[in-house]
Protein backbone atom coordinates (compact mmCIF):
# COMPACT_ATOMS: atom_id res chain seq x y z
CA UNK A 1 1.71 -8.33 -53.08
CA UNK A 2 3.87 -9.64 -55.85
CA UNK A 3 3.86 -13.36 -56.66
CA UNK A 4 7.23 -14.64 -57.75
CA UNK A 5 6.28 -19.61 -57.70
CA UNK A 6 5.35 -22.87 -55.90
CA UNK A 7 6.55 -23.18 -52.28
CA UNK A 8 6.58 -26.97 -52.57
CA UNK A 9 9.40 -26.89 -55.14
CA UNK A 10 12.92 -27.40 -53.90
CA UNK A 11 15.57 -24.83 -54.66
CA UNK A 12 18.55 -25.64 -56.89
CA UNK A 13 21.75 -26.55 -55.17
CA UNK A 14 25.23 -25.41 -56.22
CA UNK A 15 27.13 -27.57 -58.75
CA UNK A 16 29.16 -29.17 -55.97
CA UNK A 17 25.95 -30.41 -54.41
CA UNK A 18 24.56 -31.86 -57.68
CA UNK A 19 27.43 -34.34 -58.25
CA UNK A 20 26.39 -37.87 -59.21
CA UNK A 21 26.41 -40.84 -56.94
CA UNK A 22 29.93 -41.82 -58.11
CA UNK A 23 31.36 -38.35 -57.55
CA UNK A 24 33.27 -36.28 -60.11
CA UNK A 25 34.66 -38.61 -62.89
CA UNK A 26 37.51 -36.21 -63.69
CA UNK A 27 38.62 -36.42 -60.09
CA UNK A 28 38.96 -40.25 -60.34
CA UNK A 29 41.01 -40.06 -63.56
CA UNK A 30 43.42 -37.56 -62.00
CA UNK A 31 44.05 -39.82 -59.03
CA UNK A 32 44.78 -42.80 -61.30
CA UNK A 33 47.12 -40.76 -63.43
CA UNK A 34 49.07 -39.54 -60.38
CA UNK A 35 49.38 -43.11 -59.02
CA UNK A 36 50.79 -44.41 -62.27
CA UNK A 37 53.27 -41.55 -62.43
CA UNK A 38 54.55 -42.33 -58.93
CA UNK A 39 55.11 -46.00 -59.86
CA UNK A 40 57.07 -45.02 -62.95
CA UNK A 41 59.20 -42.52 -60.99
CA UNK A 42 60.04 -45.21 -58.41
CA UNK A 43 61.11 -47.65 -61.10
CA UNK A 44 63.23 -45.08 -62.89
CA UNK A 45 64.97 -44.17 -59.63
CA UNK A 46 65.88 -47.81 -58.96
CA UNK A 47 67.20 -48.36 -62.44
CA UNK A 48 69.31 -45.18 -62.18
CA UNK A 49 71.01 -46.55 -59.07
CA UNK A 50 71.82 -49.89 -60.77
CA UNK A 51 73.15 -48.04 -63.84
CA UNK A 52 75.61 -46.02 -61.74
CA UNK A 53 76.90 -49.18 -60.03
CA UNK A 54 77.31 -51.01 -63.34
CA UNK A 55 75.05 -53.89 -62.28
CA UNK A 56 72.26 -53.21 -64.82
CA UNK A 57 72.00 -55.82 -67.68
CA UNK A 58 71.93 -54.53 -71.26
CA UNK A 59 68.24 -55.41 -72.02
CA UNK A 60 67.10 -53.84 -68.80
CA UNK A 61 69.23 -50.75 -69.46
CA UNK A 62 67.48 -50.21 -72.78
CA UNK A 63 64.07 -50.42 -71.04
CA UNK A 64 65.25 -47.95 -68.41
CA UNK A 65 66.16 -45.36 -71.08
CA UNK A 66 62.65 -45.63 -72.53
CA UNK A 67 60.99 -45.18 -69.06
CA UNK A 68 63.12 -42.11 -68.28
CA UNK A 69 62.03 -40.50 -71.51
CA UNK A 70 58.38 -41.22 -70.62
CA UNK A 71 58.71 -39.47 -67.22
CA UNK A 72 60.27 -36.37 -68.74
CA UNK A 73 57.59 -36.23 -71.40
CA UNK A 74 54.82 -36.61 -68.82
CA UNK A 75 56.20 -33.84 -66.59
CA UNK A 76 56.31 -31.46 -69.53
CA UNK A 77 52.71 -32.25 -70.50
CA UNK A 78 51.05 -32.51 -67.01
CA UNK A 79 47.40 -31.30 -66.93
CA UNK A 80 46.56 -27.91 -65.33
CA UNK A 81 44.76 -27.80 -61.98
CA UNK A 82 40.98 -28.29 -62.12
CA UNK A 83 39.19 -24.93 -61.59
CA UNK A 84 36.53 -26.75 -59.55
CA UNK A 85 39.15 -27.78 -56.99
CA UNK A 86 38.24 -26.04 -53.66
CA UNK A 87 41.90 -25.11 -53.23
CA UNK A 88 41.96 -23.15 -56.46
CA UNK A 89 41.69 -19.38 -55.84
CA UNK A 90 38.29 -17.86 -56.70
CA UNK A 91 38.29 -15.14 -59.31
CA UNK A 92 34.75 -13.84 -58.34
CA UNK A 93 33.62 -11.74 -55.35
CA UNK A 94 30.32 -12.53 -53.59
CA UNK A 95 28.35 -9.49 -52.43
CA UNK A 96 26.08 -11.34 -50.01
CA UNK A 97 23.07 -11.40 -52.35
CA UNK A 98 20.84 -14.27 -53.41
CA UNK A 99 20.05 -14.07 -57.12
CA UNK A 100 17.29 -16.16 -58.71
CA UNK A 101 16.05 -16.40 -62.28
CA UNK A 102 12.47 -16.46 -63.54
CA UNK A 103 12.23 -20.25 -63.47
CA UNK A 104 13.46 -20.37 -59.87
CA UNK A 105 11.07 -17.59 -58.85
CA UNK A 106 8.16 -19.53 -60.29
CA UNK A 107 9.32 -22.85 -58.84
CA UNK A 108 9.85 -21.40 -55.36
CA UNK A 109 6.57 -19.41 -55.48
CA UNK A 110 8.35 -16.37 -54.06
CA UNK A 111 6.11 -13.52 -52.94
CA UNK A 112 7.10 -10.05 -51.82
CA UNK A 113 5.14 -7.32 -50.03
CA UNK A 114 5.83 -3.67 -49.33
CA UNK A 115 6.94 -2.69 -45.84
CA UNK A 116 4.43 -0.31 -44.24
CA UNK A 117 4.87 2.23 -41.48
CA UNK A 118 3.40 1.45 -38.08
CA UNK A 119 0.13 3.34 -37.59
CA UNK A 120 -1.75 1.20 -35.07
CA UNK A 121 -0.77 1.03 -31.39
CA UNK A 122 1.10 -1.94 -30.02
CA UNK A 123 -1.10 -4.18 -27.89
CA UNK A 124 1.06 -4.99 -24.88
CA UNK A 125 -0.44 -7.87 -22.88
CA UNK A 126 0.16 -7.77 -19.13
CA UNK A 127 -0.94 -9.67 -16.05
CA UNK A 128 -1.76 -8.35 -12.61
CA UNK A 129 -4.28 -8.20 -9.80
CA UNK A 130 -6.82 -5.90 -8.20
CA UNK A 131 -6.19 -4.08 -4.93
CA UNK A 132 -7.91 -1.63 -2.62
CA UNK A 133 -7.12 2.02 -3.21
CA UNK A 134 -4.46 2.72 -0.59
CA UNK A 135 -5.05 6.47 -0.87
CA UNK A 136 -8.65 6.07 0.31
CA UNK A 137 -8.12 3.52 3.09
CA UNK A 138 -9.40 4.73 6.46
CA UNK A 139 -7.48 3.52 9.50
CA UNK A 140 -9.41 3.51 12.74
CA UNK A 141 -7.25 4.13 15.79
CA UNK A 142 -7.73 5.70 19.26
CA UNK A 143 -6.16 9.07 19.93
CA UNK A 144 -5.49 8.41 23.57
CA UNK A 145 -4.67 5.50 25.89
CA UNK A 146 -7.80 3.42 26.25
CA UNK A 147 -9.38 0.14 27.25
CA UNK A 148 -11.54 -1.52 24.59
CA UNK A 149 -14.85 -2.56 26.08
CA UNK A 150 -16.43 -3.96 22.93
CA UNK A 151 -15.97 -4.49 19.19
CA UNK A 152 -19.10 -3.66 17.22
CA UNK A 153 -18.01 -4.49 13.62
CA UNK A 154 -16.45 -7.66 12.25
CA UNK A 155 -13.99 -8.05 9.39
CA UNK A 156 -15.75 -8.13 6.03
CA UNK A 157 -18.77 -6.19 7.22
CA UNK A 158 -20.07 -3.33 5.14
CA UNK A 159 -20.48 -0.18 7.19
CA UNK A 160 -21.92 3.25 6.55
CA UNK A 161 -20.75 6.60 7.79
CA UNK A 162 -21.67 6.95 11.48
CA UNK A 163 -22.00 3.23 12.24
CA UNK A 164 -20.48 2.21 15.63
CA UNK A 165 -17.19 0.30 15.46
CA UNK A 166 -15.45 0.11 18.87
CA UNK A 167 -16.54 0.99 22.45
CA UNK A 168 -13.75 2.69 24.45
CA UNK A 169 -13.14 3.52 28.13
CA UNK A 170 -10.37 6.00 28.99
CA UNK A 171 -9.51 8.06 32.07
CA UNK A 172 -7.49 10.37 29.81
CA UNK A 173 -10.69 11.13 27.93
CA UNK A 174 -12.55 11.77 31.19
CA UNK A 175 -9.83 14.19 32.31
CA UNK A 176 -10.11 16.12 29.04
CA UNK A 177 -13.88 16.40 29.40
CA UNK A 178 -13.57 17.62 32.98
CA UNK A 179 -11.08 20.27 31.89
CA UNK A 180 -13.49 21.39 29.19
CA UNK A 181 -16.34 21.78 31.68
CA UNK A 182 -14.14 23.55 34.26
CA UNK A 183 -12.83 26.04 31.73
CA UNK A 184 -16.33 26.72 30.47
CA UNK A 185 -17.63 27.44 33.98
CA UNK A 186 -14.68 29.74 34.72
CA UNK A 187 -15.15 31.62 31.48
CA UNK A 188 -18.85 32.14 32.15
CA UNK A 189 -18.02 33.49 35.61
CA UNK A 190 -15.41 35.93 34.26
CA UNK A 191 -17.77 36.98 31.46
CA UNK A 192 -20.57 37.90 33.88
CA UNK A 193 -18.13 39.76 36.14
CA UNK A 194 -16.82 41.73 33.18
CA UNK A 195 -20.33 42.80 32.17
CA UNK A 196 -21.08 43.87 35.76
CA UNK A 197 -17.92 45.93 36.25
CA UNK A 198 -18.33 47.51 32.84
CA UNK A 199 -21.36 49.36 34.29
CA UNK A 200 -19.58 50.18 37.54
CA UNK A 201 -16.55 51.74 35.86
CA UNK A 202 -18.83 54.13 33.99
CA UNK A 203 -20.30 55.41 37.25
CA UNK A 204 -16.90 55.60 38.93
CA UNK A 205 -17.73 52.93 41.47
CA UNK A 206 -14.55 51.01 40.60
CA UNK A 207 -11.24 52.10 39.24
CA UNK A 208 -10.04 51.69 35.69
CA UNK A 209 -7.29 49.38 36.94
CA UNK A 210 -9.82 46.95 38.42
CA UNK A 211 -11.84 46.95 35.22
CA UNK A 212 -8.73 46.24 33.13
CA UNK A 213 -7.79 43.30 35.36
CA UNK A 214 -11.31 41.89 35.07
CA UNK A 215 -11.21 42.18 31.31
CA UNK A 216 -7.86 40.40 31.21
CA UNK A 217 -9.17 37.55 33.39
CA UNK A 218 -12.12 37.04 31.02
CA UNK A 219 -9.81 36.83 28.03
CA UNK A 220 -7.63 34.18 29.70
CA UNK A 221 -10.58 32.04 30.77
CA UNK A 222 -12.15 32.30 27.32
CA UNK A 223 -8.86 31.14 25.78
CA UNK A 224 -8.70 28.20 28.19
CA UNK A 225 -12.24 27.19 27.29
CA UNK A 226 -11.60 27.17 23.55
CA UNK A 227 -8.33 25.30 24.05
CA UNK A 228 -10.04 22.52 25.97
CA UNK A 229 -12.78 22.37 23.33
CA UNK A 230 -10.20 21.94 20.56
CA UNK A 231 -8.46 19.25 22.64
CA UNK A 232 -11.65 17.17 22.73
CA UNK A 233 -11.94 17.43 18.96
CA UNK A 234 -8.32 16.33 18.57
CA UNK A 235 -9.11 13.30 20.71
CA UNK A 236 -11.86 12.39 18.28
CA UNK A 237 -14.87 13.28 20.37
CA UNK A 238 -17.69 14.24 17.99
CA UNK A 239 -19.53 17.55 18.41
CA UNK A 240 -22.68 15.66 19.27
CA UNK A 241 -20.96 14.42 22.44
CA UNK A 242 -19.20 17.72 23.27
CA UNK A 243 -22.24 19.99 23.36
CA UNK A 244 -24.12 18.06 26.08
CA UNK A 245 -21.14 18.51 28.42
CA UNK A 246 -21.84 22.24 28.88
CA UNK A 247 -25.61 22.23 28.54
CA UNK A 248 -27.29 23.94 31.52
CA UNK A 249 -23.95 24.68 33.25
CA UNK A 250 -23.94 27.87 35.30
CA UNK A 251 -21.69 29.29 37.91
CA UNK A 252 -22.76 26.59 40.36
CA UNK A 253 -23.62 23.48 38.23
CA UNK A 254 -25.22 20.52 39.91
CA UNK A 255 -23.67 17.06 39.98
CA UNK A 256 -26.34 15.91 37.55
CA UNK A 257 -25.25 18.49 35.01
CA UNK A 258 -21.57 17.70 35.43
CA UNK A 259 -22.14 13.96 34.82
CA UNK A 260 -20.07 11.32 36.57
CA UNK A 261 -16.55 10.21 35.74
CA UNK A 262 -17.65 6.81 34.40
CA UNK A 263 -19.84 8.42 31.77
CA UNK A 264 -17.16 10.87 30.75
CA UNK A 265 -14.63 8.06 30.27
CA UNK A 266 -16.77 6.31 27.65
CA UNK A 267 -16.77 6.93 23.90
CA UNK A 268 -17.74 4.97 20.82
CA UNK A 269 -15.56 5.13 17.70
CA UNK A 270 -17.78 5.47 14.64
CA UNK A 271 -17.05 4.94 10.96
CA UNK A 272 -16.16 8.18 9.18
CA UNK A 273 -16.85 6.72 5.70
CA UNK A 274 -18.87 4.15 3.81
CA UNK A 275 -16.97 0.98 3.00
CA UNK A 276 -16.02 -2.50 4.09
CA UNK A 277 -13.94 -3.56 7.09
CA UNK A 278 -10.90 -5.17 5.43
CA UNK A 279 -8.73 -5.46 8.55
CA UNK A 280 -9.46 -5.89 12.25
CA UNK A 281 -6.71 -5.92 14.89
CA UNK A 282 -8.67 -5.27 18.07
CA UNK A 283 -10.13 -7.45 20.82
CA UNK A 284 -12.25 -6.53 23.85
CA UNK A 285 -10.45 -6.18 27.18
CA UNK A 286 -7.11 -5.03 25.74
CA UNK A 287 -5.36 -1.72 26.21
CA UNK A 288 -4.38 0.35 23.16
CA UNK A 289 -2.77 3.71 22.44
CA UNK A 290 -2.67 6.12 19.52
CA UNK A 291 -0.04 4.02 17.67
CA UNK A 292 -2.38 1.03 17.32
CA UNK A 293 -4.59 0.58 14.24
CA UNK A 294 -7.81 -1.10 15.37
CA UNK A 295 -9.53 -1.44 12.00
CA UNK A 296 -9.10 -0.54 8.34
CA UNK A 297 -12.06 0.44 6.18
CA UNK A 298 -11.78 0.44 2.38
CA UNK A 299 -14.24 1.95 -0.08
CA UNK A 300 -15.74 -0.52 -2.54
CA UNK A 301 -16.86 1.85 -5.29
CA UNK A 302 -13.36 1.92 -6.85
CA UNK A 303 -10.44 -0.49 -7.06
CA UNK A 304 -6.84 -0.34 -8.17
CA UNK A 305 -5.44 -2.61 -10.86
CA UNK A 306 -1.73 -3.34 -10.45
CA UNK A 307 -0.06 -4.88 -13.53
CA UNK A 308 3.48 -6.20 -14.01
CA UNK A 309 5.60 -4.68 -16.77
CA UNK A 310 8.80 -6.62 -17.36
CA UNK A 311 12.09 -4.83 -17.85
CA UNK A 312 12.27 -5.31 -21.62
CA UNK A 313 8.90 -3.52 -22.00
CA UNK A 314 9.22 -0.78 -19.37
CA UNK A 315 10.17 1.86 -21.93
CA UNK A 316 6.82 1.33 -23.68
CA UNK A 317 4.70 2.31 -20.65
CA UNK A 318 3.85 5.93 -19.81
CA UNK A 319 1.27 7.87 -17.83
CA UNK A 320 -2.06 8.43 -19.55
CA UNK A 321 -1.99 5.32 -21.76
CA UNK A 322 -5.29 3.48 -22.12
CA UNK A 323 -5.67 0.03 -20.66
CA UNK A 324 -8.36 -2.61 -21.08
CA UNK A 325 -8.69 -4.85 -18.02
CA UNK A 326 -10.15 -8.33 -18.42
CA UNK A 327 -11.43 -10.55 -15.61
CA UNK A 328 -11.05 -14.05 -17.08
CA UNK A 329 -13.16 -15.78 -14.42
CA UNK A 330 -16.01 -13.24 -14.51
CA UNK A 331 -16.28 -12.64 -18.27
CA UNK A 332 -16.07 -8.95 -17.46
CA UNK A 333 -13.96 -6.07 -18.78
CA UNK A 334 -13.25 -2.54 -17.58
CA UNK A 335 -11.41 0.47 -18.99
CA UNK A 336 -8.66 2.35 -17.19
CA UNK A 337 -5.79 4.78 -17.66
CA UNK A 338 -2.22 4.41 -16.42
CA UNK A 339 -2.02 6.64 -13.34
CA UNK A 340 1.29 5.52 -11.87
CA UNK A 341 4.47 3.72 -12.94
CA UNK A 342 6.82 2.50 -10.21
CA UNK A 343 10.36 3.85 -10.12
CA UNK A 344 11.87 0.51 -9.11
CA UNK A 345 11.76 -3.16 -10.09
CA UNK A 346 10.01 -5.48 -7.67
CA UNK A 347 12.40 -7.91 -6.00
CA UNK A 348 9.71 -10.60 -6.01
CA UNK A 349 8.32 -10.41 -9.54
CA UNK A 350 11.33 -8.70 -11.23
CA UNK A 351 8.82 -6.40 -12.91
CA UNK A 352 7.86 -2.73 -12.79
CA UNK A 353 4.34 -2.16 -11.48
CA UNK A 354 1.91 0.14 -13.26
CA UNK A 355 -1.45 1.16 -11.84
CA UNK A 356 -4.91 2.08 -13.10
CA UNK A 357 -8.25 2.68 -11.34
CA UNK A 358 -11.54 1.04 -12.29
CA UNK A 359 -15.10 1.67 -11.06
CA UNK A 360 -16.86 -0.91 -8.91
CA UNK A 361 -20.30 0.56 -8.19
CA UNK A 362 -22.01 -2.73 -7.35
CA UNK A 363 -19.11 -4.10 -5.31
CA UNK A 364 -18.93 -7.29 -7.36
CA UNK A 365 -15.18 -6.98 -7.86
CA UNK A 366 -12.90 -7.98 -5.00
CA UNK A 367 -9.31 -7.23 -4.09
CA UNK A 368 -6.55 -9.64 -5.21
CA UNK A 369 -8.47 -10.84 -8.27
CA UNK A 370 -6.30 -11.97 -11.19
CA UNK A 371 -6.61 -9.82 -14.30
CA UNK A 372 -5.25 -9.62 -17.81
CA UNK A 373 -4.62 -6.16 -19.16
CA UNK A 374 -4.03 -4.97 -22.72
CA UNK A 375 -2.08 -1.72 -22.86
CA UNK A 376 -2.26 0.49 -25.95
CA UNK A 377 1.27 1.66 -26.72
CA UNK A 378 1.15 4.51 -29.29
CA UNK A 379 3.00 3.94 -32.58
CA UNK A 380 6.59 5.14 -32.69
CA UNK A 381 7.80 7.10 -35.76
CA UNK A 382 10.25 5.03 -37.80
CA UNK A 383 8.87 1.64 -36.78
CA UNK A 384 7.54 -0.59 -39.56
CA UNK A 385 5.28 -3.62 -39.94
CA UNK A 386 5.92 -6.81 -41.97
CA UNK A 387 4.08 -10.15 -42.20
CA UNK A 388 5.13 -12.86 -39.77
CA UNK A 389 6.11 -15.10 -42.73
CA UNK A 390 8.88 -12.68 -43.61
CA UNK A 391 10.84 -13.37 -40.43
CA UNK A 392 13.75 -15.83 -40.43
CA UNK A 393 15.53 -16.60 -37.16
CA UNK A 394 19.17 -17.69 -37.45
CA UNK A 395 21.23 -18.37 -34.33
CA UNK A 396 18.85 -16.24 -32.25
CA UNK A 397 18.97 -13.22 -34.60
CA UNK A 398 16.05 -11.97 -36.70
CA UNK A 399 16.42 -11.46 -40.45
CA UNK A 400 14.31 -10.59 -43.49
CA UNK A 401 15.12 -10.79 -47.21
CA UNK A 402 14.81 -7.42 -48.93
CA UNK A 403 14.51 -7.12 -52.70
CA UNK A 404 17.22 -4.92 -54.22
CA UNK A 405 16.23 -2.00 -56.39
CA UNK A 406 18.07 -0.14 -59.10
CA UNK A 407 17.32 2.79 -61.33
CA UNK A 408 15.55 0.47 -63.75
CA UNK A 409 13.26 -0.94 -61.03
CA UNK A 410 13.04 -4.08 -58.89
CA UNK A 411 15.74 -6.70 -59.37
CA UNK A 412 15.83 -10.45 -58.90
CA UNK A 413 18.42 -10.21 -56.17
CA UNK A 414 17.65 -10.34 -52.47
CA UNK A 415 19.62 -9.04 -49.51
CA UNK A 416 19.54 -10.74 -46.11
CA UNK A 417 19.12 -7.97 -43.54
CA UNK A 418 19.22 -8.11 -39.74
CA UNK A 419 16.33 -6.35 -37.96
CA UNK A 420 15.38 -5.42 -34.39
CA UNK A 421 11.90 -6.62 -33.40
CA UNK A 422 9.64 -4.47 -31.22
CA UNK A 423 6.72 -6.90 -30.98
CA UNK A 424 5.63 -10.16 -32.59
CA UNK A 425 2.18 -11.62 -33.10
CA UNK A 426 0.83 -14.58 -35.03
CA UNK A 427 0.16 -12.47 -38.14
CA UNK A 428 2.62 -9.58 -38.19
CA UNK A 429 5.83 -8.27 -36.68
CA UNK A 430 6.61 -4.68 -35.69
CA UNK A 431 10.21 -3.81 -36.60
CA UNK A 432 11.92 -1.22 -34.44
CA UNK A 433 15.03 -0.85 -36.56
CA UNK A 434 16.38 -2.20 -39.86
CA UNK A 435 13.65 -1.49 -42.43
CA UNK A 436 12.10 1.54 -44.06
CA UNK A 437 8.53 1.94 -45.23
CA UNK A 438 8.20 1.20 -48.96
CA UNK A 439 10.93 -1.45 -49.15
CA UNK A 440 9.89 -4.92 -50.32
CA UNK A 441 10.45 -8.09 -48.30
CA UNK A 442 9.91 -11.74 -49.13
CA UNK A 443 7.00 -13.56 -47.46
CA UNK A 444 6.47 -16.97 -49.06
CA UNK A 445 9.84 -18.53 -49.77
CA UNK A 446 11.84 -16.67 -47.13
CA UNK A 447 13.02 -19.92 -45.55
CA UNK A 448 14.17 -21.28 -48.90
CA UNK A 449 16.11 -18.08 -49.58
CA UNK A 450 17.73 -18.47 -46.18
CA UNK A 451 18.97 -21.94 -47.17
CA UNK A 452 20.24 -20.66 -50.52
CA UNK A 453 22.05 -17.86 -48.73
CA UNK A 454 23.82 -20.31 -46.43
CA UNK A 455 24.85 -22.52 -49.36
CA UNK A 456 26.25 -19.55 -51.28
CA UNK A 457 28.09 -18.30 -48.24
CA UNK A 458 29.77 -21.66 -47.73
CA UNK A 459 30.74 -22.04 -51.38
CA UNK A 460 32.01 -18.50 -51.89
CA UNK A 461 33.69 -17.81 -48.57
CA UNK A 462 34.38 -21.23 -47.12
CA UNK A 463 32.91 -19.94 -43.85
CA UNK A 464 30.08 -21.72 -42.02
CA UNK A 465 26.67 -20.02 -42.04
CA UNK A 466 26.09 -17.32 -39.42
């Protein structure tokens, strides 16, 4: 850092601003001189009129001749225009630079620093909330028309895999179980007949045609059995409830083995996963079909974090970027990675949503918690970093003062340059465009240089500051 004076000192003003309390004395003398000249001209004009009409007395005529000579003499020796007059044309061209001498540098305590390239990531601060992982939500629904006899799990309850959730009663289910038993009994009959006729065809007791027909009947009944078995699985009947249906069934099963219709119509929906019941839309005594969601179970070991990225920052966010998630009310932090960036702007928040996943092994974190996230945006080649003191904002635009350089080295002239800001903090500013690494910018004294620049612009161009 280069020290160039005292920031408490005031900068010198142009000559026009240092005029005394009474103004410019030469300006007052010129006005008096012009007034006197006008009075003399008026008198001479009146006397000329009287002279032509012959009404001018002799003594007055002599005085008139003397006044006329004074006017002619004054016109010939009138003073030139004052070069300090604002209407006088300027003979110098201003190049938009602020030049200061050594005394002014010391008085203003100007300091300059070198512009450095951006090497650290931008810390983009975002807000958002937690949410359940929608990809791992389990929706519990019946796969057939059914009557709900009982609800065995309430909203907010933690359940484990296999825990009972809803008790169902369905005639459609009973019909499917009956078809499964019927097809099994028929297949067993055809299978035994096939084995018997296989021996008879070898001895010639039956014809080949009869044996082929028997074999075909066994294949059809076997296919019907497996189809009905798959149908029960599609309906959600677990294997533990399918196997007892055909236990001890022979060609002539008893009523005890076949079970009654009331038992076949009953089934209990059980939880397929560990988690928490986050939604319940079922009540006992109501009828439901396969389009109705009875419950929703969410895992608690992981959560989503959805953050809002506003439109001006959306270009900075990409998949794979690291994110630090802070829970302000829990004094807790977690690390995540950007897994998803929405392709549209939310109509409610007017922001693009980005998502990360965080672990929640103890289940202490809940959905819809407010979070603050800090996203690490990698440095972009060409972007530079300057101290916050270097920035000057004029009419909404950002500027810095850059020290000019020549072949002999640094000069005492400073250029006001417009820059494009990528991010601001309390200590430094990341410049997206307008500066190159290695250039020198003013820190202390930048505001004073801005005022000097405006004064010089007004004096040299007559245009208001911009």
